[in-house]
Amino acid sequence: MLLMSSGLAFAEDTKDEWQETTLSEDVIQKIQKAQYGYKKCVVDSMRKPEYAKLESRNATDVVIRECEPVLAEMRKVYIDSNVPGVVADRHLKKLRIQVTRNVLQELMYAEAAKKAGQ
């Protein structure tokens, strides 16, 4: 009886897992284009002079929040391509974390250079 119930629990778990699929070249290009758009938005926002006056962590937060709508467009590309939401969200979270770290690092370097030059 116990083995039978554990088999049913396992069957429940596997239906929630993502089964490997392949994405077409067109979908991959759309995702890469959306990813480029997100990174471009972040770089363009970083260059705004009003963010140079903010502390690096606050400026990073503002820049990342400003580009969230672009990241939402990337999620739409995933969902339209029948990629499960869990997988799409995991990739977007990873991308957001990487970009946030890079932005913070760049802004901290700029802040330190400005203080060293004073």
C-alpha atoms as a PDB file:
ATOM      1  CA  MET A   1       0.000   0.000   0.000  1.00  0.00           C
ATOM      2  CA  LEU A   2       2.818   2.384   0.908  1.00  0.00           C
ATOM      3  CA  LEU A   3       4.682   1.657  -2.326  1.00  0.00           C
ATOM      4  CA  MET A   4       1.565   2.284  -4.354  1.00  0.00           C
ATOM      5  CA  SER A   5       0.911   5.666  -2.728  1.00  0.00           C
ATOM      6  CA  SER A   6       4.544   6.723  -3.189  1.00  0.00           C
ATOM      7  CA  GLY A   7       4.239   5.845  -6.878  1.00  0.00           C
ATOM      8  CA  LEU A   8       1.233   8.128  -7.182  1.00  0.00           C
ATOM      9  CA  ALA A   9       3.097  10.931  -5.435  1.00  0.00           C
ATOM     10  CA  PHE A  10       5.979  10.494  -7.853  1.00  0.00           C
ATOM     11  CA  ALA A  11       3.589  10.660 -10.810  1.00  0.00           C
ATOM     12  CA  GLU A  12       2.211  13.936  -9.439  1.00  0.00           C
ATOM     13  CA  ASP A  13       5.731  15.403  -9.183  1.00  0.00           C
ATOM     14  CA  THR A  14       6.778  14.488 -12.706  1.00  0.00           C
ATOM     15  CA  LYS A  15       3.840  16.179 -14.396  1.00  0.00           C
ATOM     16  CA  ASP A  16       5.000  19.520 -12.954  1.00  0.00           C
ATOM     17  CA  GLU A  17       8.526  19.095 -14.258  1.00  0.00           C
ATOM     18  CA  TRP A  18       9.525  20.596 -17.561  1.00  0.00           C
ATOM     19  CA  GLN A  19       9.971  18.001 -20.241  1.00  0.00           C
ATOM     20  CA  GLU A  20      12.890  18.814 -22.508  1.00  0.00           C
ATOM     21  CA  THR A  21      11.836  20.509 -25.706  1.00  0.00           C
ATOM     22  CA  THR A  22      13.593  22.336 -28.435  1.00  0.00           C
ATOM     23  CA  LEU A  23      13.108  25.961 -29.276  1.00  0.00           C
ATOM     24  CA  SER A  24      13.138  27.053 -32.871  1.00  0.00           C
ATOM     25  CA  GLU A  25      15.819  29.390 -34.163  1.00  0.00           C
ATOM     26  CA  ASP A  26      13.155  32.082 -34.512  1.00  0.00           C
ATOM     27  CA  VAL A  27      12.221  31.827 -30.821  1.00  0.00           C
ATOM     28  CA  ILE A  28      15.878  31.832 -29.746  1.00  0.00           C
ATOM     29  CA  GLN A  29      16.477  34.976 -31.797  1.00  0.00           C
ATOM     30  CA  LYS A  30      13.428  36.660 -30.257  1.00  0.00           C
ATOM     31  CA  ILE A  31      14.696  35.820 -26.764  1.00  0.00           C
ATOM     32  CA  GLN A  32      18.179  37.104 -27.583  1.00  0.00           C
ATOM     33  CA  LYS A  33      16.696  40.288 -29.045  1.00  0.00           C
ATOM     34  CA  ALA A  34      14.605  40.825 -25.902  1.00  0.00           C
ATOM     35  CA  GLN A  35      17.664  40.156 -23.732  1.00  0.00           C
ATOM     36  CA  TYR A  36      19.650  42.703 -25.740  1.00  0.00           C
ATOM     37  CA  GLY A  37      16.803  45.207 -25.330  1.00  0.00           C
ATOM     38  CA  TYR A  38      16.850  44.719 -21.557  1.00  0.00           C
ATOM     39  CA  LYS A  39      20.599  45.185 -21.298  1.00  0.00           C
ATOM     40  CA  LYS A  40      20.433  48.238 -23.574  1.00  0.00           C
ATOM     41  CA  CYS A  41      17.715  49.743 -21.384  1.00  0.00           C
ATOM     42  CA  VAL A  42      19.896  49.220 -18.313  1.00  0.00           C
ATOM     43  CA  VAL A  43      22.972  50.785 -19.925  1.00  0.00           C
ATOM     44  CA  ASP A  44      20.981  53.757 -21.219  1.00  0.00           C
ATOM     45  CA  SER A  45      19.458  54.292 -17.775  1.00  0.00           C
ATOM     46  CA  MET A  46      22.853  54.084 -16.076  1.00  0.00           C
ATOM     47  CA  ARG A  47      24.098  56.960 -18.219  1.00  0.00           C
ATOM     48  CA  LYS A  48      21.482  59.397 -16.963  1.00  0.00           C
ATOM     49  CA  PRO A  49      23.245  62.169 -15.044  1.00  0.00           C
ATOM     50  CA  GLU A  50      20.717  62.264 -12.199  1.00  0.00           C
ATOM     51  CA  TYR A  51      21.755  58.742 -11.171  1.00  0.00           C
ATOM     52  CA  ALA A  52      25.373  59.839 -10.772  1.00  0.00           C
ATOM     53  CA  LYS A  53      24.253  61.952  -7.813  1.00  0.00           C
ATOM     54  CA  LEU A  54      22.677  58.975  -6.027  1.00  0.00           C
ATOM     55  CA  GLU A  55      24.470  56.453  -3.867  1.00  0.00           C
ATOM     56  CA  SER A  56      25.404  53.401  -5.983  1.00  0.00           C
ATOM     57  CA  ARG A  57      22.936  50.961  -4.357  1.00  0.00           C
ATOM     58  CA  ASN A  58      20.030  53.400  -4.675  1.00  0.00           C
ATOM     59  CA  ALA A  59      20.932  54.177  -8.287  1.00  0.00           C
ATOM     60  CA  THR A  60      21.117  50.464  -9.074  1.00  0.00           C
ATOM     61  CA  ASP A  61      17.666  49.917  -7.624  1.00  0.00           C
ATOM     62  CA  VAL A  62      16.204  52.760  -9.680  1.00  0.00           C
ATOM     63  CA  VAL A  63      17.860  51.559 -12.906  1.00  0.00           C
ATOM     64  CA  ILE A  64      16.667  47.967 -12.485  1.00  0.00           C
ATOM     65  CA  ARG A  65      13.111  49.042 -11.645  1.00  0.00           C
ATOM     66  CA  GLU A  66      13.027  51.357 -14.651  1.00  0.00           C
ATOM     67  CA  CYS A  67      13.768  48.460 -17.006  1.00  0.00           C
ATOM     68  CA  GLU A  68      11.340  45.915 -15.503  1.00  0.00           C
ATOM     69  CA  PRO A  69       8.766  46.457 -18.307  1.00  0.00           C
ATOM     70  CA  VAL A  70      11.375  45.390 -20.867  1.00  0.00           C
ATOM     71  CA  LEU A  71      12.003  42.225 -18.872  1.00  0.00           C
ATOM     72  CA  ALA A  72       8.245  41.572 -18.861  1.00  0.00           C
ATOM     73  CA  GLU A  73       8.304  41.644 -22.672  1.00  0.00           C
ATOM     74  CA  MET A  74      10.977  38.953 -22.587  1.00  0.00           C
ATOM     75  CA  ARG A  75       8.748  36.814 -20.364  1.00  0.00           C
ATOM     76  CA  LYS A  76       5.941  37.210 -22.902  1.00  0.00           C
ATOM     77  CA  VAL A  77       8.230  35.802 -25.612  1.00  0.00           C
ATOM     78  CA  TYR A  78       8.843  32.738 -23.438  1.00  0.00           C
ATOM     79  CA  ILE A  79       5.172  32.229 -22.628  1.00  0.00           C
ATOM     80  CA  ASP A  80       4.147  32.688 -26.272  1.00  0.00           C
ATOM     81  CA  SER A  81       6.685  29.963 -27.145  1.00  0.00           C
ATOM     82  CA  ASN A  82       5.042  27.531 -24.699  1.00  0.00           C
ATOM     83  CA  VAL A  83       7.958  27.553 -22.274  1.00  0.00           C
ATOM     84  CA  PRO A  84       6.597  26.822 -18.780  1.00  0.00           C
ATOM     85  CA  GLY A  85       6.312  29.879 -16.564  1.00  0.00           C
ATOM     86  CA  VAL A  86       8.564  28.353 -13.908  1.00  0.00           C
ATOM     87  CA  VAL A  87      11.405  27.938 -16.398  1.00  0.00           C
ATOM     88  CA  ALA A  88      10.901  31.403 -17.869  1.00  0.00           C
ATOM     89  CA  ASP A  89      10.816  33.010 -14.423  1.00  0.00           C
ATOM     90  CA  ARG A  90      13.959  31.164 -13.365  1.00  0.00           C
ATOM     91  CA  HIS A  91      15.857  32.414 -16.406  1.00  0.00           C
ATOM     92  CA  LEU A  92      14.580  35.964 -15.962  1.00  0.00           C
ATOM     93  CA  LYS A  93      15.543  35.945 -12.283  1.00  0.00           C
ATOM     94  CA  LYS A  94      19.033  34.750 -13.171  1.00  0.00           C
ATOM     95  CA  LEU A  95      19.355  37.466 -15.819  1.00  0.00           C
ATOM     96  CA  ARG A  96      18.062  40.149 -13.452  1.00  0.00           C
ATOM     97  CA  ILE A  97      20.533  39.114 -10.735  1.00  0.00           C
ATOM     98  CA  GLN A  98      23.481  39.106 -13.140  1.00  0.00           C
ATOM     99  CA  VAL A  99      22.591  42.500 -14.567  1.00  0.00           C
ATOM    100  CA  THR A 100      21.983  43.951 -11.092  1.00  0.00           C
ATOM    101  CA  ARG A 101      25.405  42.794  -9.933  1.00  0.00           C
ATOM    102  CA  ASN A 102      27.076  44.279 -12.999  1.00  0.00           C
ATOM    103  CA  VAL A 103      25.253  47.604 -12.646  1.00  0.00           C
ATOM    104  CA  LEU A 104      26.092  47.846  -8.951  1.00  0.00           C
ATOM    105  CA  GLN A 105      29.724  47.083  -9.647  1.00  0.00           C
ATOM    106  CA  GLU A 106      29.958  49.715 -12.401  1.00  0.00           C
ATOM    107  CA  LEU A 107      28.238  52.350 -10.288  1.00  0.00           C
ATOM    108  CA  MET A 108      30.456  51.564  -7.300  1.00  0.00           C
ATOM    109  CA  TYR A 109      33.554  51.940  -9.488  1.00  0.00           C
ATOM    110  CA  ALA A 110      32.274  55.266 -10.785  1.00  0.00           C
ATOM    111  CA  GLU A 111      31.456  56.437  -7.263  1.00  0.00           C
ATOM    112  CA  ALA A 112      34.911  55.436  -5.992  1.00  0.00           C
ATOM    113  CA  ALA A 113      36.612  57.136  -8.942  1.00  0.00           C
ATOM    114  CA  LYS A 114      34.659  60.310  -8.292  1.00  0.00           C
ATOM    115  CA  LYS A 115      35.623  60.287  -4.602  1.00  0.00           C
ATOM    116  CA  ALA A 116      39.260  59.596  -5.441  1.00  0.00           C
ATOM    117  CA  GLY A 117      39.303  62.510  -7.858  1.00  0.00           C
ATOM    118  CA  GLN A 118      37.974  64.994  -5.301  1.00  0.00           C
END
